[in-house]
Amino acid sequence: MGKVWFVGAGPGDPDLITVKGRNLIEQADAILYAGSLVSETATRWAGPGCAIEDSKGMDLEEIIAWLIRKAREGETVIRLQTGDPGLYGALIEMVQPLDEAGIDVGVVPGVSSAMASAAAGVESLTLPEVTQTVILTRVEGRTPMPEGESLAELAQHHCTLCLFLSITLLKKVQTELLQAGWTEDAPILVVHKASWPGEEKIIRGTLADIREKCRAEKINSQAMIIVSPTLGARQWNELKKSKLYDKSFSHRFRKAQTTSQ
């Protein structure tokens, strides 16, 4: 009986897969990749005898049946998923039937599109005395949100919000952020296909105009929305700096420098 590995392919650029993920691809007997979101180039390290298939036309039962069949035929089977398998990746839905079938499972984390989008914009999701909290969430659409997790409720914290799977719901994003007390001039960053070679688009705007800007660029899928009080800090004249590198701040690797009078 083989082992099924759920491997995070990262946000788009195949070079952003982890070393462990790449090594497993090289060893794989079979790879099922999520072709609607993962570029086929992410499988380029597979050996000549590896069975590679795209799952974009499969439903959950077909995916599970494929993984179980291949695990019974070979030693290393990979389910290659976008970003990180633990974020909006239907991981547990796939793992439970594998557990029932007695098939060993492993997970390799991947770079999330939230991090890749911040990198694309050269933005920090946290800043001292501005915000130290990041919320990864989505806007309610066909999938309902649990009680207490509406965007209007979460946005009341006025920290960094990374909104997955919500680009077609920008009108609702605007409404709920205004309801939570954000102003119309609050900066917003939208990144389409973060890190995808030749396909990445970066759109900057405000709560008031970001929807029109995205419509003008025809952005309607595979986009990360970042709303944060830290956006644009690269151009700020004044910035609260980290205590970690402050010469007057002691930690276990460095003693504070004192100024003699």
Protein backbone atom coordinates (compact mmCIF):
# COMPACT_ATOMS: atom_id res chain seq x y z
CA MET A 1 0.00 0.00 0.00
CA GLY A 2 1.40 3.39 -0.98
CA LYS A 3 1.22 6.74 0.78
CA VAL A 4 -0.74 9.76 -0.40
CA TRP A 5 0.93 13.12 0.03
CA PHE A 6 -1.06 16.35 -0.09
CA VAL A 7 1.48 18.85 -1.37
CA GLY A 8 1.05 22.61 -1.47
CA ALA A 9 2.19 23.77 -4.91
CA GLY A 10 2.34 27.38 -3.74
CA PRO A 11 0.63 30.40 -5.30
CA GLY A 12 1.60 29.91 -8.95
CA ASP A 13 5.31 30.21 -9.65
CA PRO A 14 6.50 26.58 -9.71
CA ASP A 15 9.80 27.64 -8.13
CA LEU A 16 7.91 28.59 -4.95
CA ILE A 17 7.13 24.97 -4.13
CA THR A 18 9.07 23.72 -1.11
CA VAL A 19 12.19 21.60 -1.50
CA LYS A 20 10.36 18.72 0.17
CA GLY A 21 7.45 19.07 -2.26
CA ARG A 22 9.80 19.05 -5.25
CA ASN A 23 11.66 16.00 -3.92
CA LEU A 24 8.37 14.12 -3.56
CA ILE A 25 7.38 15.01 -7.13
CA GLU A 26 10.69 13.57 -8.33
CA GLN A 27 9.93 10.31 -6.46
CA ALA A 28 6.22 10.13 -7.30
CA ASP A 29 4.55 7.18 -8.99
CA ALA A 30 1.38 9.19 -9.60
CA ILE A 31 0.38 12.87 -9.39
CA LEU A 32 -3.14 14.31 -9.43
CA TYR A 33 -2.91 18.08 -9.77
CA ALA A 34 -5.68 20.67 -9.44
CA GLY A 35 -5.41 22.00 -12.99
CA SER A 36 -7.94 24.79 -12.53
CA LEU A 37 -5.55 26.49 -10.11
CA VAL A 38 -2.16 24.76 -10.38
CA SER A 39 0.03 25.15 -13.46
CA GLU A 40 1.03 21.86 -15.11
CA THR A 41 4.63 23.12 -15.00
CA ALA A 42 4.57 22.31 -11.28
CA THR A 43 4.82 18.63 -12.30
CA ARG A 44 7.91 19.16 -14.46
CA TRP A 45 10.20 17.38 -11.99
CA ALA A 46 8.26 14.12 -12.22
CA GLY A 47 10.03 11.06 -13.60
CA PRO A 48 9.18 9.56 -17.02
CA GLY A 49 7.19 6.70 -15.51
CA CYS A 50 4.97 8.89 -13.33
CA ALA A 51 1.22 8.88 -14.07
CA ILE A 52 0.05 12.52 -14.16
CA GLU A 53 -3.58 13.58 -14.36
CA ASP A 54 -5.54 16.83 -14.09
CA SER A 55 -8.47 16.80 -11.65
CA LYS A 56 -10.30 19.91 -12.85
CA GLY A 57 -13.09 17.85 -14.40
CA MET A 58 -13.43 15.47 -11.42
CA ASP A 59 -15.83 15.59 -8.49
CA LEU A 60 -14.78 14.68 -4.94
CA GLU A 61 -15.70 10.99 -5.26
CA GLU A 62 -13.69 10.65 -8.48
CA ILE A 63 -10.65 12.32 -6.91
CA ILE A 64 -10.78 10.00 -3.90
CA ALA A 65 -11.23 6.90 -6.07
CA TRP A 66 -8.20 7.93 -8.19
CA LEU A 67 -6.01 8.46 -5.11
CA ILE A 68 -7.02 5.15 -3.55
CA ARG A 69 -6.48 3.23 -6.79
CA LYS A 70 -3.04 4.71 -7.36
CA ALA A 71 -2.02 4.20 -3.71
CA ARG A 72 -2.80 0.52 -4.13
CA GLU A 73 -0.62 0.39 -7.26
CA GLY A 74 2.41 2.45 -6.21
CA GLU A 75 4.39 3.75 -3.28
CA THR A 76 4.22 7.55 -3.59
CA VAL A 77 1.05 9.32 -4.72
CA ILE A 78 0.71 13.11 -4.72
CA ARG A 79 -2.36 15.29 -4.62
CA LEU A 80 -0.89 18.62 -5.80
CA GLN A 81 -2.97 21.54 -4.54
CA THR A 82 -2.76 25.29 -4.89
CA GLY A 83 -1.25 27.38 -2.09
CA ASP A 84 -1.31 25.49 1.17
CA PRO A 85 -3.47 22.34 1.50
CA GLY A 86 -4.81 23.50 4.87
CA LEU A 87 -6.36 26.72 3.50
CA TYR A 88 -9.57 26.22 1.50
CA GLY A 89 -8.16 22.97 0.15
CA ALA A 90 -10.90 20.40 1.05
CA LEU A 91 -8.10 18.50 2.83
CA ILE A 92 -10.13 16.71 5.50
CA GLU A 93 -12.84 15.72 2.99
CA MET A 94 -10.18 13.78 1.09
CA VAL A 95 -8.25 12.46 4.08
CA GLN A 96 -11.19 10.80 5.83
CA PRO A 97 -11.90 8.25 3.03
CA LEU A 98 -8.16 7.52 2.79
CA ASP A 99 -8.10 6.84 6.54
CA GLU A 100 -11.07 4.50 6.12
CA ALA A 101 -9.21 2.69 3.32
CA GLY A 102 -6.15 2.24 5.56
CA ILE A 103 -3.93 4.45 3.38
CA ASP A 104 -1.16 6.46 5.03
CA VAL A 105 -1.35 10.23 4.50
CA GLY A 106 1.17 13.08 4.72
CA VAL A 107 0.87 16.85 4.19
CA VAL A 108 3.52 19.23 2.86
CA PRO A 109 2.67 22.90 3.47
CA GLY A 110 2.88 25.48 0.72
CA VAL A 111 3.22 29.23 0.24
CA SER A 112 -0.20 30.87 0.46
CA SER A 113 -1.42 33.40 -2.10
CA ALA A 114 -1.88 35.80 0.82
CA MET A 115 1.88 35.85 1.41
CA ALA A 116 2.68 35.90 -2.30
CA SER A 117 0.34 38.85 -2.83
CA ALA A 118 1.94 40.85 -0.03
CA ALA A 119 5.34 40.05 -1.55
CA ALA A 120 4.19 41.13 -5.01
CA GLY A 121 3.16 44.50 -3.62
CA VAL A 122 6.21 44.79 -1.34
CA GLU A 123 3.87 45.16 1.61
CA SER A 124 4.07 43.99 5.22
CA LEU A 125 0.94 42.48 6.73
CA THR A 126 1.98 43.61 10.21
CA LEU A 127 3.70 46.73 11.53
CA PRO A 128 4.62 47.75 15.10
CA GLU A 129 1.89 49.83 16.73
CA VAL A 130 -0.24 49.70 13.55
CA THR A 131 -1.50 46.11 13.55
CA GLN A 132 -0.10 42.81 14.80
CA THR A 133 -3.00 40.68 13.62
CA VAL A 134 -3.81 39.06 10.28
CA ILE A 135 -7.20 37.50 9.54
CA LEU A 136 -7.44 35.02 6.66
CA THR A 137 -11.07 34.79 5.62
CA ARG A 138 -13.57 35.04 2.79
CA VAL A 139 -16.85 36.81 2.06
CA GLU A 140 -20.03 34.81 2.33
CA GLY A 141 -21.24 33.62 -1.05
CA ARG A 142 -22.71 30.22 -1.91
CA THR A 143 -20.78 28.80 1.06
CA PRO A 144 -22.28 30.26 4.27
CA MET A 145 -20.04 31.69 6.97
CA PRO A 146 -20.24 30.41 10.56
CA GLU A 147 -21.96 32.62 13.10
CA GLY A 148 -19.75 35.52 14.18
CA GLU A 149 -17.52 35.34 11.10
CA SER A 150 -19.18 37.76 8.71
CA LEU A 151 -16.78 40.25 7.15
CA ALA A 152 -18.59 43.11 8.89
CA GLU A 153 -17.88 41.47 12.26
CA LEU A 154 -14.26 40.51 11.58
CA ALA A 155 -13.47 43.88 10.01
CA GLN A 156 -14.34 45.69 13.23
CA HIS A 157 -10.87 44.73 14.49
CA HIS A 158 -9.35 47.06 11.85
CA CYS A 159 -6.38 44.74 11.43
CA THR A 160 -5.08 43.15 8.22
CA LEU A 161 -7.69 41.20 6.27
CA CYS A 162 -6.70 38.75 3.52
CA LEU A 163 -9.82 37.84 1.58
CA PHE A 164 -9.77 34.60 -0.39
CA LEU A 165 -12.32 33.56 -3.03
CA SER A 166 -14.10 36.92 -2.89
CA ILE A 167 -13.14 38.91 -5.99
CA THR A 168 -16.62 38.51 -7.56
CA LEU A 169 -18.15 39.87 -4.34
CA LEU A 170 -16.35 43.21 -4.19
CA LYS A 171 -19.65 45.11 -3.84
CA LYS A 172 -20.36 43.10 -0.71
CA VAL A 173 -16.78 43.70 0.51
CA GLN A 174 -17.31 47.46 0.15
CA THR A 175 -20.66 47.37 1.95
CA GLU A 176 -19.47 45.29 4.89
CA LEU A 177 -16.22 47.19 5.40
CA LEU A 178 -18.10 50.49 5.47
CA GLN A 179 -20.51 48.91 7.94
CA ALA A 180 -17.52 47.96 10.12
CA GLY A 181 -16.25 51.56 10.20
CA TRP A 182 -13.62 51.54 7.44
CA THR A 183 -13.50 54.77 5.42
CA GLU A 184 -13.93 55.09 1.67
CA ASP A 185 -10.29 56.15 1.28
CA ALA A 186 -8.99 53.01 3.04
CA PRO A 187 -6.28 51.46 0.79
CA ILE A 188 -6.89 48.07 -0.81
CA LEU A 189 -4.50 45.81 -2.70
CA VAL A 190 -5.77 43.22 -5.18
CA VAL A 191 -3.33 40.76 -6.76
CA HIS A 192 -4.47 38.51 -9.59
CA LYS A 193 -2.48 35.28 -10.03
CA ALA A 194 0.20 36.30 -7.55
CA SER A 195 3.66 35.04 -8.65
CA TRP A 196 2.37 33.45 -11.91
CA PRO A 197 5.08 34.21 -14.51
CA GLY A 198 3.74 36.68 -17.07
CA GLU A 199 0.20 36.64 -15.64
CA GLU A 200 0.40 38.51 -12.33
CA LYS A 201 -1.58 41.75 -12.07
CA ILE A 202 -1.39 44.21 -9.18
CA ILE A 203 -4.26 46.64 -8.66
CA ARG A 204 -4.11 49.33 -5.99
CA GLY A 205 -7.08 51.40 -5.00
CA THR A 206 -9.33 52.49 -2.20
CA LEU A 207 -12.50 51.06 -0.77
CA ALA A 208 -14.39 53.54 -2.95
CA ASP A 209 -12.82 52.71 -6.31
CA ILE A 210 -11.27 49.22 -6.14
CA ARG A 211 -14.32 47.51 -7.65
CA GLU A 212 -14.28 49.69 -10.76
CA LYS A 213 -10.52 49.28 -11.13
CA CYS A 214 -10.82 45.49 -11.00
CA ARG A 215 -13.68 45.52 -13.50
CA ALA A 216 -11.57 47.65 -15.85
CA GLU A 217 -8.78 45.06 -15.63
CA LYS A 218 -11.30 42.19 -16.05
CA ILE A 219 -10.23 40.59 -12.77
CA ASN A 220 -12.91 38.06 -11.84
CA SER A 221 -11.02 35.02 -10.55
CA GLN A 222 -7.84 33.86 -8.76
CA ALA A 223 -7.32 37.14 -6.92
CA MET A 224 -6.34 37.98 -3.36
CA ILE A 225 -7.86 41.05 -1.70
CA ILE A 226 -5.78 42.64 1.08
CA VAL A 227 -7.28 45.34 3.26
CA SER A 228 -4.91 46.69 5.88
CA PRO A 229 -3.86 49.82 7.77
CA THR A 230 -0.29 48.85 6.83
CA LEU A 231 -0.73 49.26 3.07
CA GLY A 232 1.50 51.89 1.53
CA ALA A 233 3.83 52.06 4.53
CA ARG A 234 6.81 52.02 2.18
CA GLN A 235 6.02 55.67 1.39
CA TRP A 236 5.32 56.83 4.95
CA ASN A 237 7.57 59.58 6.34
CA GLU A 238 7.31 58.24 9.88
CA LEU A 239 7.39 54.59 10.87
CA LYS A 240 7.41 52.90 14.27
CA LYS A 241 10.36 50.52 14.10
CA SER A 242 10.74 47.04 15.51
CA LYS A 243 12.15 46.74 19.01
CA LEU A 244 14.03 43.61 17.94
CA TYR A 245 16.68 45.65 16.11
CA ASP A 246 16.64 48.69 18.39
CA LYS A 247 20.11 49.12 19.91
CA SER A 248 18.52 50.10 23.23
CA PHE A 249 16.56 46.84 23.38
CA SER A 250 18.12 43.75 25.01
CA HIS A 251 17.40 40.16 24.10
CA ARG A 252 19.20 36.86 24.65
CA PHE A 253 21.51 37.38 21.67
CA ARG A 254 22.42 41.03 22.21
CA LYS A 255 22.79 43.43 25.11
CA ALA A 256 21.34 46.92 24.87
CA GLN A 257 23.75 49.75 24.20
CA THR A 258 23.55 52.54 26.73
CA THR A 259 24.41 56.13 26.03
CA SER A 260 26.78 57.62 28.60
CA GLN A 261 26.02 61.10 29.87
